[in-house]
Protein backbone atom coordinates (compact mmCIF):
# COMPACT_ATOMS: atom_id res chain seq x y z
CA MET A 1 -78.38 20.31 -58.62
CA LEU A 2 -74.72 21.05 -59.16
CA LYS A 3 -73.87 17.55 -57.69
CA ALA A 4 -76.17 16.01 -60.20
CA LEU A 5 -74.59 17.85 -63.03
CA ALA A 6 -71.28 17.09 -62.05
CA GLY A 7 -72.24 13.29 -61.64
CA ILE A 8 -73.78 13.43 -65.24
CA CYS A 9 -70.85 15.09 -66.81
CA PHE A 10 -68.47 12.59 -65.00
CA LEU A 11 -70.60 9.67 -66.42
CA HIS A 12 -70.66 11.10 -69.82
CA LEU A 13 -66.77 11.58 -69.87
CA THR A 14 -66.33 7.92 -68.48
CA THR A 15 -68.51 6.92 -71.52
CA ILE A 16 -66.31 8.77 -73.95
CA PHE A 17 -63.10 7.32 -72.55
CA PHE A 18 -64.53 3.77 -72.70
CA LEU A 19 -65.59 4.44 -76.32
CA PHE A 20 -62.31 5.86 -77.37
CA TRP A 21 -60.35 3.22 -75.42
CA ALA A 22 -62.21 0.43 -77.12
CA THR A 23 -61.74 2.01 -80.55
CA ILE A 24 -58.16 2.82 -80.35
CA ASP A 25 -56.60 0.31 -77.99
CA ASP A 26 -55.20 -3.11 -79.61
CA ALA A 27 -57.14 -5.89 -77.57
CA TRP A 28 -60.29 -7.03 -79.27
CA TRP A 29 -59.00 -10.61 -79.73
CA PHE A 30 -56.36 -12.57 -77.98
CA THR A 31 -54.68 -15.90 -78.40
CA ARG A 32 -51.35 -16.97 -76.91
CA THR A 33 -49.38 -15.80 -79.83
CA LEU A 34 -51.41 -12.99 -81.28
CA TYR A 35 -53.83 -10.11 -80.55
CA THR A 36 -55.85 -8.07 -82.72
CA ASP A 37 -57.95 -5.00 -82.78
CA LEU A 38 -59.81 -2.90 -85.56
CA TRP A 39 -56.78 -1.51 -87.21
CA GLY A 40 -54.14 -4.32 -87.17
CA ARG A 41 -52.70 -7.50 -85.72
CA TRP A 42 -49.65 -8.28 -83.52
CA VAL A 43 -48.07 -11.51 -83.83
CA MET A 44 -45.27 -12.99 -81.54
CA GLU A 45 -42.32 -14.00 -83.61
CA ASN A 46 -40.72 -17.36 -82.68
CA ASN A 47 -41.82 -17.14 -79.03
CA ASP A 48 -39.13 -14.79 -78.02
CA ASP A 49 -41.63 -12.08 -76.63
CA VAL A 50 -41.18 -9.68 -79.57
CA TRP A 51 -44.55 -8.60 -80.97
CA VAL A 52 -44.59 -7.58 -84.65
CA TYR A 53 -47.37 -5.57 -86.26
CA MET A 54 -49.06 -7.16 -89.24
CA ASP A 55 -52.11 -6.04 -91.47
CA ILE A 56 -55.45 -7.45 -90.86
CA PRO A 57 -55.58 -10.89 -92.60
CA THR A 58 -57.33 -11.14 -95.89
CA SER A 59 -59.68 -13.86 -94.60
CA TYR A 60 -61.41 -10.96 -92.79
CA ARG A 61 -64.04 -9.47 -95.00
CA LYS A 62 -63.00 -5.90 -95.73
CA ASP A 63 -66.57 -4.59 -95.88
CA TYR A 64 -67.58 -5.95 -92.50
CA LEU A 65 -64.25 -4.65 -90.94
CA GLN A 66 -64.75 -1.15 -92.46
CA ALA A 67 -68.25 -0.97 -91.18
CA VAL A 68 -67.07 -1.95 -87.48
CA GLN A 69 -64.37 0.70 -87.81
CA ALA A 70 -66.78 3.38 -89.16
CA PHE A 71 -69.32 2.60 -86.62
CA ALA A 72 -66.93 2.56 -83.74
CA VAL A 73 -65.49 6.13 -84.78
CA LEU A 74 -69.02 7.43 -85.32
CA ALA A 75 -69.97 6.25 -81.82
CA CYS A 76 -66.93 8.28 -80.30
CA LEU A 77 -67.79 11.31 -82.38
CA PHE A 78 -71.66 11.50 -81.37
CA ALA A 79 -70.66 10.85 -77.78
CA VAL A 80 -68.31 14.10 -77.87
CA LEU A 81 -70.92 15.88 -79.95
CA SER A 82 -73.56 14.97 -77.24
CA LEU A 83 -71.38 16.30 -74.52
CA CYS A 84 -70.79 19.63 -76.35
CA MET A 85 -74.63 19.81 -76.87
CA PHE A 86 -75.20 19.17 -73.22
CA ILE A 87 -72.93 21.92 -72.15
CA PHE A 88 -74.60 24.23 -74.88
CA GLN A 89 -78.06 23.31 -73.89
CA LEU A 90 -77.16 23.96 -70.01
CA PHE A 91 -76.87 27.64 -70.83
CA THR A 92 -79.60 27.99 -73.43
CA VAL A 93 -82.49 25.63 -72.61
CA GLY A 94 -85.24 27.38 -70.59
CA LYS A 95 -86.10 26.23 -66.96
CA GLY A 96 -88.25 23.08 -66.83
CA GLN A 97 -87.36 22.07 -70.31
CA ARG A 98 -85.73 18.47 -71.11
CA PHE A 99 -82.23 17.93 -72.89
CA THR A 100 -83.77 15.87 -75.43
CA LEU A 101 -81.47 16.72 -78.13
CA THR A 102 -78.43 15.76 -76.02
CA GLY A 103 -80.28 12.48 -75.21
CA VAL A 104 -80.96 11.64 -78.97
CA LEU A 105 -77.24 12.36 -79.81
CA GLN A 106 -76.11 9.91 -76.98
CA LEU A 107 -78.66 7.34 -78.13
CA ILE A 108 -77.35 7.60 -81.69
CA SER A 109 -73.87 6.90 -80.27
CA CYS A 110 -75.26 3.82 -78.26
CA PHE A 111 -76.73 2.61 -81.58
CA CYS A 112 -73.44 3.08 -83.46
CA ILE A 113 -71.36 1.23 -80.83
CA MET A 114 -73.95 -1.62 -80.65
CA VAL A 115 -73.80 -2.05 -84.55
CA ALA A 116 -70.02 -2.17 -84.39
CA LEU A 117 -69.93 -4.81 -81.64
CA SER A 118 -72.68 -6.87 -83.21
CA VAL A 119 -71.11 -7.01 -86.52
CA TYR A 120 -67.63 -7.78 -84.94
CA THR A 121 -69.18 -10.58 -82.76
CA ASP A 122 -71.17 -12.07 -85.64
CA HIS A 123 -68.45 -12.02 -88.45
CA PHE A 124 -65.15 -12.24 -86.79
CA HIS A 125 -63.46 -15.23 -84.82
CA ARG A 126 -66.58 -17.46 -85.01
CA GLY A 127 -64.72 -20.72 -85.71
CA GLU A 128 -61.66 -19.84 -83.52
CA LYS A 129 -61.63 -22.01 -80.44
CA ASP A 130 -58.26 -21.07 -78.78
CA GLY A 131 -58.85 -17.38 -78.43
CA TRP A 132 -60.86 -14.94 -76.15
CA TYR A 133 -62.25 -11.47 -76.43
CA GLY A 134 -59.86 -8.91 -75.00
CA TRP A 135 -60.57 -5.81 -72.76
CA SER A 136 -61.09 -3.31 -75.47
CA TYR A 137 -64.07 -5.43 -76.63
CA ILE A 138 -65.28 -5.72 -73.10
CA MET A 139 -64.95 -1.84 -72.54
CA ALA A 140 -66.84 -1.29 -75.80
CA TRP A 141 -69.79 -3.17 -74.16
CA PHE A 142 -69.37 -1.08 -70.95
CA GLY A 143 -69.35 2.04 -73.27
CA TRP A 144 -72.51 0.68 -74.91
CA LEU A 145 -74.16 0.39 -71.63
CA LEU A 146 -73.05 3.70 -70.37
CA THR A 147 -74.11 5.59 -73.55
CA LEU A 148 -77.58 3.81 -73.20
CA LEU A 149 -77.77 4.88 -69.49
CA THR A 150 -76.84 8.50 -70.10
CA GLY A 151 -78.97 8.84 -73.10
CA VAL A 152 -82.03 7.71 -71.18
CA ILE A 153 -80.76 9.99 -68.23
CA TYR A 154 -80.56 13.04 -70.72
CA ILE A 155 -84.04 12.48 -72.13
CA ILE A 156 -85.64 12.31 -68.72
CA LEU A 157 -83.53 15.21 -67.20
CA ARG A 158 -85.13 18.45 -66.89
CA LYS A 159 -83.48 21.82 -66.26
CA ARG A 160 -84.22 22.77 -62.63
CA VAL A 161 -86.94 25.49 -61.91
CA ASP A 162 -85.86 27.53 -58.86
């Protein structure tokens, strides 16, 4: 049982790492001369390999961008809260009971990152043909998959009866 708990905790910490990395890092969209994330944009000046920080362009709808930012941050917060709840329930839940509250919090985190990714995918960079999604965007999708997996595991998991 200790190996299973260690594996679940490792999986959960990996999920949190992916979510934080995707939210903080600056690689959601790339072209040859710029890269952008949820918080800013970096542009190469005069092809001299110097990247300059700029604000997000006004062509991005502010309400959609703020929704993506908010849901990405909420996903991180719910994932951390879910880990804290798992540790709390580990010591307080009776034997044979499920970690339902932990699973629900993790599934809420899954929903939040899914909304952030869906809004970003639908409303940003639609007409741009010369760019591609970056590793932070891909890590956010991995984070979504892991939050879904761990949420289901927590709901199914029962505390062992000796």
